[in-house]
Amino acid sequence: MRTKLKQFYSFVEELIVKFVVDNSLNYSGSIAFFTIFSLPGILIGVILIAGSVFGENTVKGELYEQIKTLVGESSANQIQDIIQNLENADFNYVAFAIAVSTLLYGSTSVFASIQDGINVIWGLRPKPKRIALKFILNRLLSIAMIVTIGFLMLVSLSVDTLVVVFNDFLVEILDEKSATVVLALESVSFSIIVFVVFTTVYKFLPDAKVGIKDVLRGALLATILFMIGKYLISFYLGNSSFGTAYGAAGSLVLLLIWVYYSAMILLFGAEFIEVYTRKNNRIIAPSSQSVKIITKEVHLK
């Protein structure tokens, strides 16, 4: 028993130390920065994809509710206003082309930043002679990630629709307990979607070949930490006046804090995968577009 506790303590200690040494906090800040500026582009892409099935207004309403749950009503209103302003802007071919290019570049930069962070954690670097090709592939992969998120939004809306359909049936069977059951079902469905997102990111975004079992373990840990943070931060925001201290910028600050925390959890899960695979005598191999970097400390006298 003591041996297992020592092994667990050693594992957690190494995980935390490596998380700090790999500058994961700085990479989290970089991801948060890109996310804030590219969020409208990502959300518009998701709205177009999911809206083709459920209707744009339905998707907008669902996104609004999800964002409001995470960071509060004021931040959700601000994001909603930004999207509305983009949609209501006067049409001009030149301005439209510039706007689309900017939104596309910004939204794909988020996933490129995530990829860079995980590559560093896993000791990977793109091959110098293939940087141009790698840049193009990264942007295409980032677009694929946006499409994936849009598809997951479709799944989320489908689940919500089923919950609403069966709500009356649950009321007849469970009476006052039905509300609790509905909330539990919504929470479980949201957790599954978050888990799928983390799994997709860890498996396909980095320049690596990593076992699916290791990916699933890291995604599970990240999902648990994400959901814990979701409820803790929501509780804190609902019982404090933190956002009001920043005045008009309060909504943006709250959103930035949540995105920063989410980025930290994402990278912490990547650290877990790296440490876990190494502890079990497995390696995270580089893809054909990258090489493995071995870091060695040298102490000079």
C-alpha atoms as a PDB file:
ATOM      1  CA  MET A   1       0.000   0.000   0.000  1.00  0.00           C
ATOM      2  CA  ARG A   2       2.784   2.418   0.937  1.00  0.00           C
ATOM      3  CA  THR A   3       4.636   1.566  -2.254  1.00  0.00           C
ATOM      4  CA  LYS A   4       1.594   2.430  -4.378  1.00  0.00           C
ATOM      5  CA  LEU A   5       1.105   5.695  -2.495  1.00  0.00           C
ATOM      6  CA  LYS A   6       4.757   6.595  -3.068  1.00  0.00           C
ATOM      7  CA  GLN A   7       4.421   5.775  -6.758  1.00  0.00           C
ATOM      8  CA  PHE A   8       1.268   7.869  -6.996  1.00  0.00           C
ATOM      9  CA  TYR A   9       2.911  10.784  -5.184  1.00  0.00           C
ATOM     10  CA  SER A  10       5.978  10.519  -7.427  1.00  0.00           C
ATOM     11  CA  PHE A  11       3.767  10.477 -10.525  1.00  0.00           C
ATOM     12  CA  VAL A  12       1.751  13.522  -9.458  1.00  0.00           C
ATOM     13  CA  GLU A  13       4.903  15.401  -8.451  1.00  0.00           C
ATOM     14  CA  GLU A  14       6.577  14.736 -11.802  1.00  0.00           C
ATOM     15  CA  LEU A  15       3.388  15.669 -13.639  1.00  0.00           C
ATOM     16  CA  ILE A  16       3.121  19.040 -11.899  1.00  0.00           C
ATOM     17  CA  VAL A  17       6.847  19.817 -12.192  1.00  0.00           C
ATOM     18  CA  LYS A  18       6.878  19.016 -15.908  1.00  0.00           C
ATOM     19  CA  PHE A  19       3.726  21.066 -16.429  1.00  0.00           C
ATOM     20  CA  VAL A  20       5.557  24.090 -15.014  1.00  0.00           C
ATOM     21  CA  VAL A  21       8.924  23.392 -16.686  1.00  0.00           C
ATOM     22  CA  ASP A  22       7.304  23.063 -20.128  1.00  0.00           C
ATOM     23  CA  ASN A  23       5.914  26.613 -19.741  1.00  0.00           C
ATOM     24  CA  SER A  24       2.384  25.280 -20.044  1.00  0.00           C
ATOM     25  CA  LEU A  25       1.013  28.336 -18.246  1.00  0.00           C
ATOM     26  CA  ASN A  26       2.530  30.594 -20.910  1.00  0.00           C
ATOM     27  CA  TYR A  27       1.148  28.435 -23.711  1.00  0.00           C
ATOM     28  CA  SER A  28      -2.251  28.526 -22.002  1.00  0.00           C
ATOM     29  CA  GLY A  29      -2.102  32.314 -22.102  1.00  0.00           C
ATOM     30  CA  SER A  30      -1.227  32.211 -25.803  1.00  0.00           C
ATOM     31  CA  ILE A  31      -4.135  29.876 -26.538  1.00  0.00           C
ATOM     32  CA  ALA A  32      -6.503  32.088 -24.523  1.00  0.00           C
ATOM     33  CA  PHE A  33      -5.340  35.187 -26.422  1.00  0.00           C
ATOM     34  CA  PHE A  34      -5.944  33.624 -29.841  1.00  0.00           C
ATOM     35  CA  THR A  35      -9.256  32.153 -28.695  1.00  0.00           C
ATOM     36  CA  ILE A  36     -10.675  35.492 -27.560  1.00  0.00           C
ATOM     37  CA  PHE A  37      -9.919  37.166 -30.895  1.00  0.00           C
ATOM     38  CA  SER A  38     -10.982  34.222 -33.029  1.00  0.00           C
ATOM     39  CA  LEU A  39     -14.066  33.167 -31.053  1.00  0.00           C
ATOM     40  CA  PRO A  40     -16.516  34.974 -33.392  1.00  0.00           C
ATOM     41  CA  GLY A  41     -15.035  33.159 -36.403  1.00  0.00           C
ATOM     42  CA  ILE A  42     -15.225  29.769 -34.708  1.00  0.00           C
ATOM     43  CA  LEU A  43     -18.791  30.355 -33.506  1.00  0.00           C
ATOM     44  CA  ILE A  44     -19.950  31.543 -36.934  1.00  0.00           C
ATOM     45  CA  GLY A  45     -18.496  28.365 -38.451  1.00  0.00           C
ATOM     46  CA  VAL A  46     -20.296  26.244 -35.859  1.00  0.00           C
ATOM     47  CA  ILE A  47     -23.562  28.153 -36.428  1.00  0.00           C
ATOM     48  CA  LEU A  48     -23.370  27.633 -40.201  1.00  0.00           C
ATOM     49  CA  ILE A  49     -22.677  23.895 -39.861  1.00  0.00           C
ATOM     50  CA  ALA A  50     -25.181  23.068 -37.122  1.00  0.00           C
ATOM     51  CA  GLY A  51     -27.661  25.670 -38.380  1.00  0.00           C
ATOM     52  CA  SER A  52     -27.983  23.841 -41.696  1.00  0.00           C
ATOM     53  CA  VAL A  53     -29.854  21.108 -39.811  1.00  0.00           C
ATOM     54  CA  PHE A  54     -31.516  22.741 -36.798  1.00  0.00           C
ATOM     55  CA  GLY A  55     -31.750  26.335 -38.004  1.00  0.00           C
ATOM     56  CA  GLU A  56     -29.403  29.176 -37.126  1.00  0.00           C
ATOM     57  CA  ASN A  57     -31.653  30.692 -34.457  1.00  0.00           C
ATOM     58  CA  THR A  58     -31.872  27.378 -32.602  1.00  0.00           C
ATOM     59  CA  VAL A  59     -28.094  26.946 -32.676  1.00  0.00           C
ATOM     60  CA  LYS A  60     -27.531  30.530 -31.545  1.00  0.00           C
ATOM     61  CA  GLY A  61     -29.885  29.983 -28.639  1.00  0.00           C
ATOM     62  CA  GLU A  62     -28.093  26.793 -27.598  1.00  0.00           C
ATOM     63  CA  LEU A  63     -24.669  28.458 -27.838  1.00  0.00           C
ATOM     64  CA  TYR A  64     -25.940  31.390 -25.803  1.00  0.00           C
ATOM     65  CA  GLU A  65     -27.199  29.093 -23.046  1.00  0.00           C
ATOM     66  CA  GLN A  66     -23.944  27.104 -22.955  1.00  0.00           C
ATOM     67  CA  ILE A  67     -21.782  30.244 -22.805  1.00  0.00           C
ATOM     68  CA  LYS A  68     -24.063  31.782 -20.169  1.00  0.00           C
ATOM     69  CA  THR A  69     -23.686  28.650 -18.052  1.00  0.00           C
ATOM     70  CA  LEU A  70     -19.897  28.822 -18.307  1.00  0.00           C
ATOM     71  CA  VAL A  71     -19.105  32.527 -17.919  1.00  0.00           C
ATOM     72  CA  GLY A  72     -22.327  34.322 -17.037  1.00  0.00           C
ATOM     73  CA  GLU A  73     -25.034  36.267 -18.826  1.00  0.00           C
ATOM     74  CA  SER A  74     -23.027  39.456 -19.461  1.00  0.00           C
ATOM     75  CA  SER A  75     -20.249  37.638 -21.335  1.00  0.00           C
ATOM     76  CA  ALA A  76     -22.806  35.625 -23.310  1.00  0.00           C
ATOM     77  CA  ASN A  77     -24.613  38.845 -24.291  1.00  0.00           C
ATOM     78  CA  GLN A  78     -21.349  40.414 -25.420  1.00  0.00           C
ATOM     79  CA  ILE A  79     -20.466  37.469 -27.656  1.00  0.00           C
ATOM     80  CA  GLN A  80     -24.008  37.429 -29.021  1.00  0.00           C
ATOM     81  CA  ASP A  81     -23.717  41.133 -29.900  1.00  0.00           C
ATOM     82  CA  ILE A  82     -20.390  40.576 -31.693  1.00  0.00           C
ATOM     83  CA  ILE A  83     -21.855  37.797 -33.846  1.00  0.00           C
ATOM     84  CA  GLN A  84     -24.939  39.913 -34.586  1.00  0.00           C
ATOM     85  CA  ASN A  85     -22.783  42.879 -35.627  1.00  0.00           C
ATOM     86  CA  LEU A  86     -20.777  40.682 -37.995  1.00  0.00           C
ATOM     87  CA  GLU A  87     -23.954  39.338 -39.588  1.00  0.00           C
ATOM     88  CA  ASN A  88     -25.513  42.809 -39.929  1.00  0.00           C
ATOM     89  CA  ALA A  89     -22.448  44.455 -41.462  1.00  0.00           C
ATOM     90  CA  ASP A  90     -22.961  46.080 -44.894  1.00  0.00           C
ATOM     91  CA  PHE A  91     -21.997  43.680 -47.684  1.00  0.00           C
ATOM     92  CA  ASN A  92     -18.975  44.596 -49.784  1.00  0.00           C
ATOM     93  CA  TYR A  93     -16.973  42.053 -51.777  1.00  0.00           C
ATOM     94  CA  VAL A  94     -13.579  43.421 -50.745  1.00  0.00           C
ATOM     95  CA  ALA A  95     -14.555  43.898 -47.104  1.00  0.00           C
ATOM     96  CA  PHE A  96     -16.243  40.486 -47.104  1.00  0.00           C
ATOM     97  CA  ALA A  97     -13.122  38.776 -48.464  1.00  0.00           C
ATOM     98  CA  ILE A  98     -10.920  40.510 -45.893  1.00  0.00           C
ATOM     99  CA  ALA A  99     -13.313  39.677 -43.061  1.00  0.00           C
ATOM    100  CA  VAL A 100     -13.582  36.006 -44.047  1.00  0.00           C
ATOM    101  CA  SER A 101      -9.801  35.702 -44.427  1.00  0.00           C
ATOM    102  CA  THR A 102      -9.214  37.351 -41.060  1.00  0.00           C
ATOM    103  CA  LEU A 103     -11.783  35.207 -39.268  1.00  0.00           C
ATOM    104  CA  LEU A 104     -10.489  32.044 -40.945  1.00  0.00           C
ATOM    105  CA  TYR A 105      -6.868  32.805 -40.095  1.00  0.00           C
ATOM    106  CA  GLY A 106      -7.755  33.768 -36.536  1.00  0.00           C
ATOM    107  CA  SER A 107      -9.922  30.733 -35.869  1.00  0.00           C
ATOM    108  CA  THR A 108      -7.324  28.324 -37.274  1.00  0.00           C
ATOM    109  CA  SER A 109      -4.592  30.049 -35.247  1.00  0.00           C
ATOM    110  CA  VAL A 110      -6.247  28.784 -32.062  1.00  0.00           C
ATOM    111  CA  PHE A 111      -5.749  25.169 -33.041  1.00  0.00           C
ATOM    112  CA  ALA A 112      -2.253  25.883 -34.356  1.00  0.00           C
ATOM    113  CA  SER A 113      -1.391  27.369 -30.955  1.00  0.00           C
ATOM    114  CA  ILE A 114      -2.820  24.298 -29.187  1.00  0.00           C
ATOM    115  CA  GLN A 115      -0.790  22.075 -31.495  1.00  0.00           C
ATOM    116  CA  ASP A 116       2.423  23.979 -30.729  1.00  0.00           C
ATOM    117  CA  GLY A 117       1.813  23.676 -26.996  1.00  0.00           C
ATOM    118  CA  ILE A 118       1.188  19.919 -27.108  1.00  0.00           C
ATOM    119  CA  ASN A 119       4.157  19.392 -29.450  1.00  0.00           C
ATOM    120  CA  VAL A 120       6.456  21.054 -26.915  1.00  0.00           C
ATOM    121  CA  ILE A 121       5.027  18.959 -24.081  1.00  0.00           C
ATOM    122  CA  TRP A 122       5.502  15.766 -26.096  1.00  0.00           C
ATOM    123  CA  GLY A 123       8.988  16.760 -27.279  1.00  0.00           C
ATOM    124  CA  LEU A 124       8.131  17.187 -30.961  1.00  0.00           C
ATOM    125  CA  ARG A 125       9.132  19.710 -33.604  1.00  0.00           C
ATOM    126  CA  PRO A 126       8.210  20.062 -37.312  1.00  0.00           C
ATOM    127  CA  LYS A 127      10.934  19.149 -39.794  1.00  0.00           C
ATOM    128  CA  PRO A 128      12.666  22.370 -40.973  1.00  0.00           C
ATOM    129  CA  LYS A 129      12.380  21.495 -44.676  1.00  0.00           C
ATOM    130  CA  ARG A 130       8.641  20.920 -44.415  1.00  0.00           C
ATOM    131  CA  ILE A 131       7.578  24.025 -42.505  1.00  0.00           C
ATOM    132  CA  ALA A 132       5.662  25.519 -45.472  1.00  0.00           C
ATOM    133  CA  LEU A 133       3.813  22.256 -46.109  1.00  0.00           C
ATOM    134  CA  LYS A 134       3.255  21.876 -42.381  1.00  0.00           C
ATOM    135  CA  PHE A 135       1.697  25.352 -42.199  1.00  0.00           C
ATOM    136  CA  ILE A 136      -0.822  24.481 -44.922  1.00  0.00           C
ATOM    137  CA  LEU A 137      -1.631  21.112 -43.359  1.00  0.00           C
ATOM    138  CA  ASN A 138      -2.091  22.746 -39.950  1.00  0.00           C
ATOM    139  CA  ARG A 139      -4.618  25.219 -41.340  1.00  0.00           C
ATOM    140  CA  LEU A 140      -6.553  22.459 -43.098  1.00  0.00           C
ATOM    141  CA  LEU A 141      -6.514  20.389 -39.919  1.00  0.00           C
ATOM    142  CA  SER A 142      -7.742  23.398 -37.951  1.00  0.00           C
ATOM    143  CA  ILE A 143     -10.651  23.825 -40.361  1.00  0.00           C
ATOM    144  CA  ALA A 144     -11.430  20.137 -39.868  1.00  0.00           C
ATOM    145  CA  MET A 145     -11.478  20.737 -36.104  1.00  0.00           C
ATOM    146  CA  ILE A 146     -14.012  23.550 -36.544  1.00  0.00           C
ATOM    147  CA  VAL A 147     -16.172  21.223 -38.658  1.00  0.00           C
ATOM    148  CA  THR A 148     -15.858  18.573 -35.928  1.00  0.00           C
ATOM    149  CA  ILE A 149     -17.020  21.045 -33.292  1.00  0.00           C
ATOM    150  CA  GLY A 150     -19.950  21.931 -35.531  1.00  0.00           C
ATOM    151  CA  PHE A 151     -20.837  18.242 -35.820  1.00  0.00           C
ATOM    152  CA  LEU A 152     -20.629  17.840 -32.041  1.00  0.00           C
ATOM    153  CA  MET A 153     -22.954  20.821 -31.736  1.00  0.00           C
ATOM    154  CA  LEU A 154     -25.405  18.884 -33.901  1.00  0.00           C
ATOM    155  CA  VAL A 155     -25.113  15.927 -31.544  1.00  0.00           C
ATOM    156  CA  SER A 156     -25.626  18.188 -28.525  1.00  0.00           C
ATOM    157  CA  LEU A 157     -28.759  19.713 -30.022  1.00  0.00           C
ATOM    158  CA  SER A 158     -30.061  16.248 -30.909  1.00  0.00           C
ATOM    159  CA  VAL A 159     -29.582  15.093 -27.316  1.00  0.00           C
ATOM    160  CA  ASP A 160     -31.282  18.223 -25.973  1.00  0.00           C
ATOM    161  CA  THR A 161     -34.190  17.603 -28.340  1.00  0.00           C
ATOM    162  CA  LEU A 162     -34.558  14.033 -27.069  1.00  0.00           C
ATOM    163  CA  VAL A 163     -34.460  15.263 -23.468  1.00  0.00           C
ATOM    164  CA  VAL A 164     -37.264  17.745 -24.199  1.00  0.00           C
ATOM    165  CA  VAL A 165     -39.306  15.072 -25.993  1.00  0.00           C
ATOM    166  CA  PHE A 166     -39.040  12.645 -23.074  1.00  0.00           C
ATOM    167  CA  ASN A 167     -39.429  15.336 -20.410  1.00  0.00           C
ATOM    168  CA  ASP A 168     -43.224  14.932 -20.179  1.00  0.00           C
ATOM    169  CA  PHE A 169     -42.778  11.171 -19.947  1.00  0.00           C
ATOM    170  CA  LEU A 170     -40.290  11.603 -17.090  1.00  0.00           C
ATOM    171  CA  VAL A 171     -42.649  13.968 -15.270  1.00  0.00           C
ATOM    172  CA  GLU A 172     -45.389  11.323 -15.275  1.00  0.00           C
ATOM    173  CA  ILE A 173     -43.037   8.689 -13.855  1.00  0.00           C
ATOM    174  CA  LEU A 174     -40.804  10.683 -11.496  1.00  0.00           C
ATOM    175  CA  ASP A 175     -42.926  13.755 -10.673  1.00  0.00           C
ATOM    176  CA  GLU A 176     -40.788  16.380  -8.897  1.00  0.00           C
ATOM    177  CA  LYS A 177     -37.596  14.364  -9.426  1.00  0.00           C
ATOM    178  CA  SER A 178     -37.829  14.771 -13.199  1.00  0.00           C
ATOM    179  CA  ALA A 179     -36.069  18.153 -13.159  1.00  0.00           C
ATOM    180  CA  THR A 180     -33.061  16.618 -11.412  1.00  0.00           C
ATOM    181  CA  VAL A 181     -32.979  13.747 -13.901  1.00  0.00           C
ATOM    182  CA  VAL A 182     -33.148  16.143 -16.861  1.00  0.00           C
ATOM    183  CA  LEU A 183     -30.290  18.237 -15.465  1.00  0.00           C
ATOM    184  CA  ALA A 184     -28.262  15.070 -14.884  1.00  0.00           C
ATOM    185  CA  LEU A 185     -28.868  13.896 -18.457  1.00  0.00           C
ATOM    186  CA  GLU A 186     -27.842  17.279 -19.853  1.00  0.00           C
ATOM    187  CA  SER A 187     -24.702  17.266 -17.698  1.00  0.00           C
ATOM    188  CA  VAL A 188     -23.769  13.749 -18.825  1.00  0.00           C
ATOM    189  CA  SER A 189     -24.321  14.584 -22.503  1.00  0.00           C
ATOM    190  CA  PHE A 190     -22.212  17.736 -22.170  1.00  0.00           C
ATOM    191  CA  SER A 191     -19.452  15.740 -20.431  1.00  0.00           C
ATOM    192  CA  ILE A 192     -19.431  13.184 -23.245  1.00  0.00           C
ATOM    193  CA  ILE A 193     -19.100  15.930 -25.855  1.00  0.00           C
ATOM    194  CA  VAL A 194     -16.225  17.538 -23.922  1.00  0.00           C
ATOM    195  CA  PHE A 195     -14.559  14.114 -23.665  1.00  0.00           C
ATOM    196  CA  VAL A 196     -14.869  13.599 -27.431  1.00  0.00           C
ATOM    197  CA  VAL A 197     -13.371  17.052 -28.082  1.00  0.00           C
ATOM    198  CA  PHE A 198     -10.372  16.357 -25.829  1.00  0.00           C
ATOM    199  CA  THR A 199      -9.889  12.917 -27.389  1.00  0.00           C
ATOM    200  CA  THR A 200      -9.999  14.371 -30.909  1.00  0.00           C
ATOM    201  CA  VAL A 201      -7.499  17.097 -30.033  1.00  0.00           C
ATOM    202  CA  TYR A 202      -5.003  14.735 -28.386  1.00  0.00           C
ATOM    203  CA  LYS A 203      -5.253  12.104 -31.119  1.00  0.00           C
ATOM    204  CA  PHE A 204      -5.266  14.166 -34.305  1.00  0.00           C
ATOM    205  CA  LEU A 205      -3.953  17.682 -33.644  1.00  0.00           C
ATOM    206  CA  PRO A 206      -0.334  17.059 -32.488  1.00  0.00           C
ATOM    207  CA  ASP A 207       2.403  15.841 -34.855  1.00  0.00           C
ATOM    208  CA  ALA A 208       2.536  12.492 -33.096  1.00  0.00           C
ATOM    209  CA  LYS A 209       1.624   8.832 -33.108  1.00  0.00           C
ATOM    210  CA  VAL A 210       0.156   7.991 -29.723  1.00  0.00           C
ATOM    211  CA  GLY A 211      -1.857   5.019 -28.523  1.00  0.00           C
ATOM    212  CA  ILE A 212      -5.602   5.500 -28.295  1.00  0.00           C
ATOM    213  CA  LYS A 213      -5.743   4.053 -24.759  1.00  0.00           C
ATOM    214  CA  ASP A 214      -3.262   6.658 -23.523  1.00  0.00           C
ATOM    215  CA  VAL A 215      -5.245   9.369 -25.305  1.00  0.00           C
ATOM    216  CA  LEU A 216      -8.493   8.217 -23.687  1.00  0.00           C
ATOM    217  CA  ARG A 217      -6.915   8.297 -20.214  1.00  0.00           C
ATOM    218  CA  GLY A 218      -5.673  11.843 -20.727  1.00  0.00           C
ATOM    219  CA  ALA A 219      -9.011  12.945 -22.196  1.00  0.00           C
ATOM    220  CA  LEU A 220     -10.883  11.436 -19.244  1.00  0.00           C
ATOM    221  CA  LEU A 221      -8.712  13.285 -16.718  1.00  0.00           C
ATOM    222  CA  ALA A 222      -9.062  16.548 -18.643  1.00  0.00           C
ATOM    223  CA  THR A 223     -12.850  16.111 -18.848  1.00  0.00           C
ATOM    224  CA  ILE A 224     -13.156  15.517 -15.102  1.00  0.00           C
ATOM    225  CA  LEU A 225     -11.041  18.589 -14.303  1.00  0.00           C
ATOM    226  CA  PHE A 226     -12.945  20.637 -16.896  1.00  0.00           C
ATOM    227  CA  MET A 227     -16.335  19.739 -15.409  1.00  0.00           C
ATOM    228  CA  ILE A 228     -15.125  20.411 -11.862  1.00  0.00           C
ATOM    229  CA  GLY A 229     -13.813  23.793 -12.967  1.00  0.00           C
ATOM    230  CA  LYS A 230     -17.054  24.491 -14.833  1.00  0.00           C
ATOM    231  CA  TYR A 231     -19.143  24.185 -11.685  1.00  0.00           C
ATOM    232  CA  LEU A 232     -16.630  25.883  -9.372  1.00  0.00           C
ATOM    233  CA  ILE A 233     -16.101  28.882 -11.654  1.00  0.00           C
ATOM    234  CA  SER A 234     -19.840  29.171 -12.353  1.00  0.00           C
ATOM    235  CA  PHE A 235     -20.518  29.095  -8.609  1.00  0.00           C
ATOM    236  CA  TYR A 236     -17.841  31.721  -7.959  1.00  0.00           C
ATOM    237  CA  LEU A 237     -19.052  34.022 -10.718  1.00  0.00           C
ATOM    238  CA  GLY A 238     -22.614  33.705  -9.470  1.00  0.00           C
ATOM    239  CA  ASN A 239     -21.662  34.646  -5.908  1.00  0.00           C
ATOM    240  CA  SER A 240     -19.076  37.383  -6.419  1.00  0.00           C
ATOM    241  CA  SER A 241     -18.745  40.817  -7.992  1.00  0.00           C
ATOM    242  CA  PHE A 242     -15.389  40.037  -9.608  1.00  0.00           C
ATOM    243  CA  GLY A 243     -16.453  41.124 -13.085  1.00  0.00           C
ATOM    244  CA  THR A 244     -17.799  44.497 -11.939  1.00  0.00           C
ATOM    245  CA  ALA A 245     -14.338  45.558 -10.726  1.00  0.00           C
ATOM    246  CA  TYR A 246     -13.253  45.851 -14.374  1.00  0.00           C
ATOM    247  CA  GLY A 247     -16.225  47.945 -15.448  1.00  0.00           C
ATOM    248  CA  ALA A 248     -17.164  47.633 -19.122  1.00  0.00           C
ATOM    249  CA  ALA A 249     -14.334  45.141 -19.689  1.00  0.00           C
ATOM    250  CA  GLY A 250     -15.624  42.818 -16.950  1.00  0.00           C
ATOM    251  CA  SER A 251     -17.381  40.445 -19.356  1.00  0.00           C
ATOM    252  CA  LEU A 252     -14.242  40.077 -21.465  1.00  0.00           C
ATOM    253  CA  VAL A 253     -12.093  39.447 -18.383  1.00  0.00           C
ATOM    254  CA  LEU A 254     -14.452  36.720 -17.146  1.00  0.00           C
ATOM    255  CA  LEU A 255     -14.419  35.051 -20.547  1.00  0.00           C
ATOM    256  CA  LEU A 256     -10.623  35.272 -20.707  1.00  0.00           C
ATOM    257  CA  ILE A 257     -10.280  33.643 -17.276  1.00  0.00           C
ATOM    258  CA  TRP A 258     -12.496  30.741 -18.285  1.00  0.00           C
ATOM    259  CA  VAL A 259     -10.684  30.207 -21.607  1.00  0.00           C
ATOM    260  CA  TYR A 260      -7.319  30.376 -19.819  1.00  0.00           C
ATOM    261  CA  TYR A 261      -8.431  27.730 -17.326  1.00  0.00           C
ATOM    262  CA  SER A 262      -9.734  25.511 -20.137  1.00  0.00           C
ATOM    263  CA  ALA A 263      -6.406  25.822 -21.975  1.00  0.00           C
ATOM    264  CA  MET A 264      -4.517  24.853 -18.811  1.00  0.00           C
ATOM    265  CA  ILE A 265      -6.692  21.764 -18.406  1.00  0.00           C
ATOM    266  CA  LEU A 266      -6.123  20.826 -22.053  1.00  0.00           C
ATOM    267  CA  LEU A 267      -2.336  21.059 -21.686  1.00  0.00           C
ATOM    268  CA  PHE A 268      -2.402  19.340 -18.290  1.00  0.00           C
ATOM    269  CA  GLY A 269      -4.119  16.384 -19.941  1.00  0.00           C
ATOM    270  CA  ALA A 270      -1.377  16.354 -22.585  1.00  0.00           C
ATOM    271  CA  GLU A 271       1.244  16.341 -19.815  1.00  0.00           C
ATOM    272  CA  PHE A 272      -0.532  13.408 -18.191  1.00  0.00           C
ATOM    273  CA  ILE A 273      -0.393  11.440 -21.444  1.00  0.00           C
ATOM    274  CA  GLU A 274       3.342  12.123 -21.831  1.00  0.00           C
ATOM    275  CA  VAL A 275       4.262  11.182 -18.264  1.00  0.00           C
ATOM    276  CA  TYR A 276       1.954   8.153 -18.211  1.00  0.00           C
ATOM    277  CA  THR A 277       3.298   6.695 -21.462  1.00  0.00           C
ATOM    278  CA  ARG A 278       6.903   7.225 -20.355  1.00  0.00           C
ATOM    279  CA  LYS A 279       6.270   5.654 -16.941  1.00  0.00           C
ATOM    280  CA  ASN A 280       4.866   2.598 -18.721  1.00  0.00           C
ATOM    281  CA  ASN A 281       7.886   2.304 -21.058  1.00  0.00           C
ATOM    282  CA  ARG A 282       6.045   3.540 -24.133  1.00  0.00           C
ATOM    283  CA  ILE A 283       6.927   6.484 -26.352  1.00  0.00           C
ATOM    284  CA  ILE A 284       5.022   9.143 -28.218  1.00  0.00           C
ATOM    285  CA  ALA A 285       6.477   8.781 -31.701  1.00  0.00           C
ATOM    286  CA  PRO A 286       6.759  11.714 -34.138  1.00  0.00           C
ATOM    287  CA  SER A 287       4.703  11.779 -37.316  1.00  0.00           C
ATOM    288  CA  SER A 288       6.221  11.927 -40.800  1.00  0.00           C
ATOM    289  CA  GLN A 289       6.108  15.736 -40.600  1.00  0.00           C
ATOM    290  CA  SER A 290       8.031  16.076 -37.335  1.00  0.00           C
ATOM    291  CA  VAL A 291      11.023  14.885 -35.325  1.00  0.00           C
ATOM    292  CA  LYS A 292      11.516  13.912 -31.692  1.00  0.00           C
ATOM    293  CA  ILE A 293      13.472  16.351 -29.538  1.00  0.00           C
ATOM    294  CA  ILE A 294      15.542  14.986 -26.666  1.00  0.00           C
ATOM    295  CA  THR A 295      16.371  17.538 -23.954  1.00  0.00           C
ATOM    296  CA  LYS A 296      19.370  16.966 -21.714  1.00  0.00           C
ATOM    297  CA  GLU A 297      20.605  19.147 -18.873  1.00  0.00           C
ATOM    298  CA  VAL A 298      24.352  19.819 -18.774  1.00  0.00           C
ATOM    299  CA  HIS A 299      25.913  21.341 -15.666  1.00  0.00           C
ATOM    300  CA  LEU A 300      29.195  23.137 -16.359  1.00  0.00           C
ATOM    301  CA  LYS A 301      31.676  23.619 -13.564  1.00  0.00           C
END
